[in-house]
Amino acid sequence: CSGKPISIRKLVEDHIKKRNTSIKLNLGYYNYNDYEPMAFWGDNAKLLHIINKTNPNEK
């Protein structure tokens, strides 16, 4: 979790590239719902706090 937003499209494209596959995305085949998020992100503050508390000399 980087705390930075990433779009679903970018996430899937990166995964396809990483796996070196020939899958082609058919973007726009289905309508996008207004209530579906187009990107996700998280808050890693608690994780970083725990890591720093466990290993205070590591960065």
N, C-alpha and C. Protein backbone atom coordinates (compact mmCIF):
# COMPACT_ATOMS: atom_id res chain seq x y z
N CYS A 1 0.84 -1.17 0.00
CA CYS A 1 0.00 0.00 0.00
C CYS A 1 0.89 1.24 0.00
N SER A 2 0.80 2.00 -1.04
CA SER A 2 1.65 3.18 -1.17
C SER A 2 0.97 4.45 -0.68
N GLY A 3 -0.34 4.40 -0.51
CA GLY A 3 -1.08 5.60 -0.16
C GLY A 3 -1.38 6.46 -1.38
N LYS A 4 -0.95 6.01 -2.55
CA LYS A 4 -1.19 6.74 -3.80
C LYS A 4 -2.27 6.02 -4.60
N PRO A 5 -3.18 6.79 -5.23
CA PRO A 5 -4.24 6.13 -6.00
C PRO A 5 -3.70 5.42 -7.23
N ILE A 6 -4.37 4.32 -7.58
CA ILE A 6 -4.06 3.60 -8.82
C ILE A 6 -5.38 3.19 -9.45
N SER A 7 -5.49 3.41 -10.74
CA SER A 7 -6.72 3.04 -11.44
C SER A 7 -6.75 1.53 -11.66
N ILE A 8 -7.94 1.00 -11.76
CA ILE A 8 -8.10 -0.43 -12.04
C ILE A 8 -7.43 -0.76 -13.36
N ARG A 9 -7.62 0.12 -14.34
CA ARG A 9 -7.01 -0.11 -15.66
C ARG A 9 -5.49 -0.25 -15.55
N LYS A 10 -4.85 0.69 -14.85
CA LYS A 10 -3.39 0.66 -14.69
C LYS A 10 -2.96 -0.60 -13.94
N LEU A 11 -3.70 -0.96 -12.91
CA LEU A 11 -3.39 -2.15 -12.13
C LEU A 11 -3.43 -3.40 -13.02
N VAL A 12 -4.47 -3.53 -13.83
CA VAL A 12 -4.61 -4.69 -14.72
C VAL A 12 -3.55 -4.65 -15.82
N GLU A 13 -3.32 -3.49 -16.41
CA GLU A 13 -2.30 -3.38 -17.46
C GLU A 13 -0.91 -3.76 -16.93
N ASP A 14 -0.59 -3.31 -15.72
CA ASP A 14 0.70 -3.66 -15.11
C ASP A 14 0.80 -5.16 -14.87
N HIS A 15 -0.30 -5.77 -14.44
CA HIS A 15 -0.31 -7.21 -14.18
C HIS A 15 -0.12 -7.99 -15.49
N ILE A 16 -0.79 -7.56 -16.54
CA ILE A 16 -0.65 -8.22 -17.85
C ILE A 16 0.80 -8.11 -18.33
N LYS A 17 1.37 -6.93 -18.19
CA LYS A 17 2.76 -6.72 -18.62
C LYS A 17 3.73 -7.57 -17.80
N LYS A 18 3.50 -7.62 -16.49
CA LYS A 18 4.36 -8.39 -15.59
C LYS A 18 4.32 -9.88 -15.94
N ARG A 19 3.16 -10.37 -16.31
CA ARG A 19 2.99 -11.79 -16.65
C ARG A 19 3.38 -12.09 -18.09
N ASN A 20 3.67 -11.04 -18.86
CA ASN A 20 4.08 -11.18 -20.26
C ASN A 20 3.06 -12.00 -21.06
N THR A 21 1.81 -11.60 -20.95
CA THR A 21 0.73 -12.31 -21.63
C THR A 21 0.18 -11.45 -22.77
N SER A 22 -0.55 -12.05 -23.65
CA SER A 22 -1.08 -11.33 -24.82
C SER A 22 -2.55 -10.95 -24.64
N ILE A 23 -3.02 -10.90 -23.42
CA ILE A 23 -4.42 -10.52 -23.16
C ILE A 23 -4.64 -9.09 -23.63
N LYS A 24 -5.72 -8.87 -24.35
CA LYS A 24 -6.10 -7.53 -24.81
C LYS A 24 -7.34 -7.10 -24.05
N LEU A 25 -7.28 -5.92 -23.45
CA LEU A 25 -8.44 -5.40 -22.73
C LEU A 25 -9.45 -4.84 -23.72
N ASN A 26 -10.72 -5.08 -23.46
CA ASN A 26 -11.80 -4.56 -24.29
C ASN A 26 -12.50 -3.46 -23.49
N LEU A 27 -11.80 -2.35 -23.33
CA LEU A 27 -12.30 -1.25 -22.51
C LEU A 27 -13.56 -0.65 -23.12
N GLY A 28 -14.53 -0.35 -22.28
CA GLY A 28 -15.77 0.25 -22.73
C GLY A 28 -16.81 -0.74 -23.23
N TYR A 29 -16.51 -2.03 -23.17
CA TYR A 29 -17.47 -3.04 -23.63
C TYR A 29 -18.75 -2.97 -22.79
N TYR A 30 -18.56 -2.81 -21.49
CA TYR A 30 -19.69 -2.63 -20.58
C TYR A 30 -19.72 -1.17 -20.13
N ASN A 31 -20.91 -0.66 -19.88
CA ASN A 31 -21.04 0.69 -19.36
C ASN A 31 -20.45 0.76 -17.96
N TYR A 32 -19.86 1.90 -17.65
CA TYR A 32 -19.31 2.11 -16.31
C TYR A 32 -20.41 2.63 -15.40
N ASN A 33 -20.53 2.05 -14.23
CA ASN A 33 -21.52 2.49 -13.27
C ASN A 33 -21.02 3.74 -12.55
N ASP A 34 -21.94 4.66 -12.25
CA ASP A 34 -21.57 5.89 -11.55
C ASP A 34 -21.08 5.61 -10.14
N TYR A 35 -21.55 4.54 -9.54
CA TYR A 35 -21.20 4.25 -8.15
C TYR A 35 -19.94 3.39 -8.01
N GLU A 36 -19.36 2.97 -9.10
CA GLU A 36 -18.13 2.16 -9.04
C GLU A 36 -16.91 3.07 -9.07
N PRO A 37 -16.00 2.90 -8.13
CA PRO A 37 -14.79 3.73 -8.15
C PRO A 37 -13.88 3.34 -9.31
N MET A 38 -13.21 4.32 -9.88
CA MET A 38 -12.29 4.06 -10.99
C MET A 38 -10.85 3.93 -10.50
N ALA A 39 -10.64 4.21 -9.21
CA ALA A 39 -9.30 4.09 -8.63
C ALA A 39 -9.45 3.72 -7.16
N PHE A 40 -8.39 3.14 -6.63
CA PHE A 40 -8.36 2.75 -5.22
C PHE A 40 -7.05 3.22 -4.61
N TRP A 41 -7.07 3.47 -3.33
CA TRP A 41 -5.85 3.79 -2.60
C TRP A 41 -6.09 3.51 -1.14
N GLY A 42 -5.02 3.39 -0.41
CA GLY A 42 -5.11 3.09 1.01
C GLY A 42 -4.22 4.02 1.81
N ASP A 43 -4.35 3.93 3.10
CA ASP A 43 -3.54 4.72 4.02
C ASP A 43 -2.59 3.77 4.73
N ASN A 44 -1.30 3.93 4.50
CA ASN A 44 -0.31 3.03 5.10
C ASN A 44 0.32 3.60 6.36
N ALA A 45 -0.26 4.64 6.95
CA ALA A 45 0.31 5.29 8.13
C ALA A 45 0.45 4.32 9.30
N LYS A 46 -0.57 3.51 9.55
CA LYS A 46 -0.49 2.56 10.67
C LYS A 46 0.60 1.53 10.43
N LEU A 47 0.70 1.03 9.22
CA LEU A 47 1.73 0.05 8.88
C LEU A 47 3.12 0.65 9.07
N LEU A 48 3.33 1.86 8.56
CA LEU A 48 4.63 2.51 8.71
C LEU A 48 4.96 2.76 10.18
N HIS A 49 3.96 3.13 10.96
CA HIS A 49 4.16 3.34 12.39
C HIS A 49 4.61 2.04 13.07
N ILE A 50 3.95 0.95 12.75
CA ILE A 50 4.30 -0.35 13.34
C ILE A 50 5.70 -0.77 12.92
N ILE A 51 6.02 -0.59 11.65
CA ILE A 51 7.35 -0.97 11.15
C ILE A 51 8.43 -0.15 11.85
N ASN A 52 8.21 1.15 11.97
CA ASN A 52 9.20 2.02 12.62
C ASN A 52 9.32 1.72 14.10
N LYS A 53 8.23 1.32 14.72
CA LYS A 53 8.24 0.98 16.14
C LYS A 53 9.01 -0.33 16.36
N THR A 54 8.85 -1.28 15.43
CA THR A 54 9.52 -2.57 15.53
C THR A 54 10.99 -2.47 15.16
N ASN A 55 11.30 -1.68 14.13
CA ASN A 55 12.67 -1.52 13.63
C ASN A 55 13.02 -0.03 13.58
N PRO A 56 13.25 0.62 14.72
CA PRO A 56 13.44 2.08 14.72
C PRO A 56 14.66 2.55 13.95
N ASN A 57 15.67 1.71 13.74
CA ASN A 57 16.88 2.13 13.04
C ASN A 57 16.82 1.91 11.54
N GLU A 58 15.82 1.19 11.05
CA GLU A 58 15.69 0.91 9.62
C GLU A 58 14.82 1.97 8.96
N LYS A 59 15.13 2.26 7.72
CA LYS A 59 14.32 3.22 6.96
C LYS A 59 13.93 2.65 5.65
